[in-house]
Amino acid sequence: MSVDPTSSVPIYRQIVEYVRRAVAAGVHRPGEAIPSLRAMALDLGINPNTVQRAYEELEREGVIEARKGLGMFVTKSGVASARTKSEASVFAAFNQGIRAGKAARMPAGRIRATFDEAWADANTKRSGQS
């Protein structure tokens, strides 16, 4: 994982989104530990308080839970919770894009075509990284 300090998205939110996607994709399964707060902070070169804030949000969402003296673990319902939140984020992003297109007076067909182009671009980049 890496963070983009120049992004308009706060670093703690980038961590939340990354962990959420990893849990939803099955990278971290229910009952498995996720990287410790300190390990994540060292790996990313950021303040541990930033990671703590991200982990607290993931705990509130029910994605992870703290086990005293052991670390942070994916909950039994963590995958479902992560998928639900990820779907909501995708919906919000699509909604924002559609609104921007409508504000620019793009026809519905062009907005759909733009989505298809973005989909193809994302799939090309993903397969190119494999």
C-alpha atoms as a PDB file:
ATOM      1  CA  MET A   1       0.000   0.000   0.000  1.00  0.00           C
ATOM      2  CA  SER A   2       1.035   3.575  -0.567  1.00  0.00           C
ATOM      3  CA  VAL A   3      -0.541   6.907   0.238  1.00  0.00           C
ATOM      4  CA  ASP A   4      -0.601  10.081  -1.790  1.00  0.00           C
ATOM      5  CA  PRO A   5       0.143  13.071   0.444  1.00  0.00           C
ATOM      6  CA  THR A   6      -0.780  15.437  -2.412  1.00  0.00           C
ATOM      7  CA  SER A   7      -4.284  13.964  -2.755  1.00  0.00           C
ATOM      8  CA  SER A   8      -7.313  15.934  -1.622  1.00  0.00           C
ATOM      9  CA  VAL A   9      -8.350  12.746   0.204  1.00  0.00           C
ATOM     10  CA  PRO A  10      -6.933  12.753   3.756  1.00  0.00           C
ATOM     11  CA  ILE A  11      -4.334  10.061   4.388  1.00  0.00           C
ATOM     12  CA  TYR A  12      -6.424   8.342   7.054  1.00  0.00           C
ATOM     13  CA  ARG A  13      -9.295   8.051   4.518  1.00  0.00           C
ATOM     14  CA  GLN A  14      -6.882   6.554   1.967  1.00  0.00           C
ATOM     15  CA  ILE A  15      -5.962   3.906   4.557  1.00  0.00           C
ATOM     16  CA  VAL A  16      -9.642   3.224   5.347  1.00  0.00           C
ATOM     17  CA  GLU A  17     -10.438   2.775   1.659  1.00  0.00           C
ATOM     18  CA  TYR A  18      -7.420   0.528   1.092  1.00  0.00           C
ATOM     19  CA  VAL A  19      -8.184  -1.774   4.036  1.00  0.00           C
ATOM     20  CA  ARG A  20     -11.886  -1.808   3.182  1.00  0.00           C
ATOM     21  CA  ARG A  21     -11.128  -2.830  -0.434  1.00  0.00           C
ATOM     22  CA  ALA A  22      -8.640  -5.480   0.725  1.00  0.00           C
ATOM     23  CA  VAL A  23     -11.207  -7.007   3.085  1.00  0.00           C
ATOM     24  CA  ALA A  24     -13.975  -6.863   0.454  1.00  0.00           C
ATOM     25  CA  ALA A  25     -11.650  -8.566  -2.062  1.00  0.00           C
ATOM     26  CA  GLY A  26     -10.684 -11.326   0.380  1.00  0.00           C
ATOM     27  CA  VAL A  27      -7.066 -10.248   0.831  1.00  0.00           C
ATOM     28  CA  HIS A  28      -7.786 -10.162   4.576  1.00  0.00           C
ATOM     29  CA  ARG A  29     -10.320 -12.783   5.646  1.00  0.00           C
ATOM     30  CA  PRO A  30     -12.521 -12.923   8.750  1.00  0.00           C
ATOM     31  CA  GLY A  31     -10.443 -13.799  11.789  1.00  0.00           C
ATOM     32  CA  GLU A  32      -7.159 -12.762  10.174  1.00  0.00           C
ATOM     33  CA  ALA A  33      -4.969 -10.016  11.562  1.00  0.00           C
ATOM     34  CA  ILE A  34      -4.344  -6.881   9.561  1.00  0.00           C
ATOM     35  CA  PRO A  35      -1.001  -5.073   9.782  1.00  0.00           C
ATOM     36  CA  SER A  36      -0.410  -3.595  13.212  1.00  0.00           C
ATOM     37  CA  LEU A  37      -0.822   0.113  13.702  1.00  0.00           C
ATOM     38  CA  ARG A  38       2.927   0.590  14.133  1.00  0.00           C
ATOM     39  CA  ALA A  39       3.826  -1.621  11.181  1.00  0.00           C
ATOM     40  CA  MET A  40       1.423   0.242   8.893  1.00  0.00           C
ATOM     41  CA  ALA A  41       2.738   3.625  10.085  1.00  0.00           C
ATOM     42  CA  LEU A  42       6.363   2.572   9.542  1.00  0.00           C
ATOM     43  CA  ASP A  43       5.597   1.049   6.147  1.00  0.00           C
ATOM     44  CA  LEU A  44       3.853   4.233   4.982  1.00  0.00           C
ATOM     45  CA  GLY A  45       6.214   6.637   6.734  1.00  0.00           C
ATOM     46  CA  ILE A  46       3.370   8.406   8.530  1.00  0.00           C
ATOM     47  CA  ASN A  47       2.339   9.275  12.060  1.00  0.00           C
ATOM     48  CA  PRO A  48       0.852   6.316  13.975  1.00  0.00           C
ATOM     49  CA  ASN A  49      -2.034   8.582  15.053  1.00  0.00           C
ATOM     50  CA  THR A  50      -3.134   8.739  11.406  1.00  0.00           C
ATOM     51  CA  VAL A  51      -3.302   4.945  11.195  1.00  0.00           C
ATOM     52  CA  GLN A  52      -5.071   4.851  14.575  1.00  0.00           C
ATOM     53  CA  ARG A  53      -7.752   7.199  13.237  1.00  0.00           C
ATOM     54  CA  ALA A  54      -8.262   4.956  10.186  1.00  0.00           C
ATOM     55  CA  TYR A  55      -8.450   1.801  12.288  1.00  0.00           C
ATOM     56  CA  GLU A  56     -10.939   3.439  14.653  1.00  0.00           C
ATOM     57  CA  GLU A  57     -13.200   4.258  11.704  1.00  0.00           C
ATOM     58  CA  LEU A  58     -12.937   0.698  10.395  1.00  0.00           C
ATOM     59  CA  GLU A  59     -13.832  -0.550  13.871  1.00  0.00           C
ATOM     60  CA  ARG A  60     -16.911   1.701  13.996  1.00  0.00           C
ATOM     61  CA  GLU A  61     -17.952   0.280  10.609  1.00  0.00           C
ATOM     62  CA  GLY A  62     -17.612  -3.266  11.952  1.00  0.00           C
ATOM     63  CA  VAL A  63     -14.895  -4.227   9.478  1.00  0.00           C
ATOM     64  CA  ILE A  64     -12.202  -4.880  12.087  1.00  0.00           C
ATOM     65  CA  GLU A  65     -12.011  -5.390  15.834  1.00  0.00           C
ATOM     66  CA  ALA A  66      -9.287  -4.959  18.415  1.00  0.00           C
ATOM     67  CA  ARG A  67      -8.202  -7.983  20.409  1.00  0.00           C
ATOM     68  CA  LYS A  68      -6.419  -6.858  23.524  1.00  0.00           C
ATOM     69  CA  GLY A  69      -2.727  -7.624  23.314  1.00  0.00           C
ATOM     70  CA  LEU A  70      -3.068  -9.276  19.901  1.00  0.00           C
ATOM     71  CA  GLY A  71      -3.856  -6.524  17.399  1.00  0.00           C
ATOM     72  CA  MET A  72      -6.587  -5.778  14.891  1.00  0.00           C
ATOM     73  CA  PHE A  73      -8.565  -8.556  13.208  1.00  0.00           C
ATOM     74  CA  VAL A  74     -11.177  -8.739  10.475  1.00  0.00           C
ATOM     75  CA  THR A  75     -14.605  -9.394  12.002  1.00  0.00           C
ATOM     76  CA  LYS A  76     -16.935 -12.199  10.887  1.00  0.00           C
ATOM     77  CA  SER A  77     -19.183  -9.592   9.278  1.00  0.00           C
ATOM     78  CA  GLY A  78     -16.225  -7.543   8.032  1.00  0.00           C
ATOM     79  CA  VAL A  79     -16.420  -8.663   4.410  1.00  0.00           C
ATOM     80  CA  ALA A  80     -20.118  -7.832   4.101  1.00  0.00           C
ATOM     81  CA  SER A  81     -19.627  -4.502   5.858  1.00  0.00           C
ATOM     82  CA  ALA A  82     -16.632  -3.628   3.674  1.00  0.00           C
ATOM     83  CA  ARG A  83     -18.520  -4.512   0.493  1.00  0.00           C
ATOM     84  CA  THR A  84     -21.533  -2.446   1.527  1.00  0.00           C
ATOM     85  CA  LYS A  85     -19.372   0.594   2.264  1.00  0.00           C
ATOM     86  CA  SER A  86     -17.365   0.125  -0.935  1.00  0.00           C
ATOM     87  CA  GLU A  87     -20.552  -0.082  -2.992  1.00  0.00           C
ATOM     88  CA  ALA A  88     -21.806   3.115  -1.357  1.00  0.00           C
ATOM     89  CA  SER A  89     -18.524   4.861  -2.224  1.00  0.00           C
ATOM     90  CA  VAL A  90     -18.744   3.714  -5.837  1.00  0.00           C
ATOM     91  CA  PHE A  91     -22.357   4.869  -6.060  1.00  0.00           C
ATOM     92  CA  ALA A  92     -21.428   8.291  -4.666  1.00  0.00           C
ATOM     93  CA  ALA A  93     -18.572   8.640  -7.164  1.00  0.00           C
ATOM     94  CA  PHE A  94     -20.816   7.658 -10.086  1.00  0.00           C
ATOM     95  CA  ASN A  95     -23.513  10.022  -8.874  1.00  0.00           C
ATOM     96  CA  GLN A  96     -21.009  12.875  -8.669  1.00  0.00           C
ATOM     97  CA  GLY A  97     -19.730  12.096 -12.173  1.00  0.00           C
ATOM     98  CA  ILE A  98     -23.232  11.976 -13.619  1.00  0.00           C
ATOM     99  CA  ARG A  99     -24.111  15.287 -11.971  1.00  0.00           C
ATOM    100  CA  ALA A 100     -20.929  16.848 -13.387  1.00  0.00           C
ATOM    101  CA  GLY A 101     -21.793  15.543 -16.849  1.00  0.00           C
ATOM    102  CA  LYS A 102     -25.349  16.847 -16.618  1.00  0.00           C
ATOM    103  CA  ALA A 103     -24.077  20.231 -15.407  1.00  0.00           C
ATOM    104  CA  ALA A 104     -21.859  20.322 -18.502  1.00  0.00           C
ATOM    105  CA  ARG A 105     -24.966  19.465 -20.580  1.00  0.00           C
ATOM    106  CA  MET A 106     -23.540  16.158 -21.761  1.00  0.00           C
ATOM    107  CA  PRO A 107     -26.181  13.887 -23.294  1.00  0.00           C
ATOM    108  CA  ALA A 108     -26.993  10.713 -21.345  1.00  0.00           C
ATOM    109  CA  GLY A 109     -25.466   8.589 -24.118  1.00  0.00           C
ATOM    110  CA  ARG A 110     -22.163  10.453 -23.869  1.00  0.00           C
ATOM    111  CA  ILE A 111     -22.121  10.054 -20.085  1.00  0.00           C
ATOM    112  CA  ARG A 112     -22.657   6.289 -20.528  1.00  0.00           C
ATOM    113  CA  ALA A 113     -19.943   6.171 -23.210  1.00  0.00           C
ATOM    114  CA  THR A 114     -17.572   7.991 -20.856  1.00  0.00           C
ATOM    115  CA  PHE A 115     -18.294   5.374 -18.195  1.00  0.00           C
ATOM    116  CA  ASP A 116     -17.552   2.605 -20.704  1.00  0.00           C
ATOM    117  CA  GLU A 117     -14.270   4.298 -21.661  1.00  0.00           C
ATOM    118  CA  ALA A 118     -13.286   4.642 -17.997  1.00  0.00           C
ATOM    119  CA  TRP A 119     -14.212   0.982 -17.409  1.00  0.00           C
ATOM    120  CA  ALA A 120     -12.051  -0.145 -20.321  1.00  0.00           C
ATOM    121  CA  ASP A 121      -9.190   2.080 -19.176  1.00  0.00           C
ATOM    122  CA  ALA A 122      -9.331   0.700 -15.633  1.00  0.00           C
ATOM    123  CA  ASN A 123      -9.358  -2.887 -16.903  1.00  0.00           C
ATOM    124  CA  THR A 124      -6.461  -2.218 -19.259  1.00  0.00           C
ATOM    125  CA  LYS A 125      -4.389  -0.708 -16.459  1.00  0.00           C
ATOM    126  CA  ARG A 126      -5.217  -3.586 -14.117  1.00  0.00           C
ATOM    127  CA  SER A 127      -4.264  -6.273 -16.640  1.00  0.00           C
ATOM    128  CA  GLY A 128      -1.121  -4.339 -17.538  1.00  0.00           C
ATOM    129  CA  GLN A 129       0.004  -4.434 -13.891  1.00  0.00           C
ATOM    130  CA  SER A 130      -0.363  -8.192 -13.554  1.00  0.00           C
END
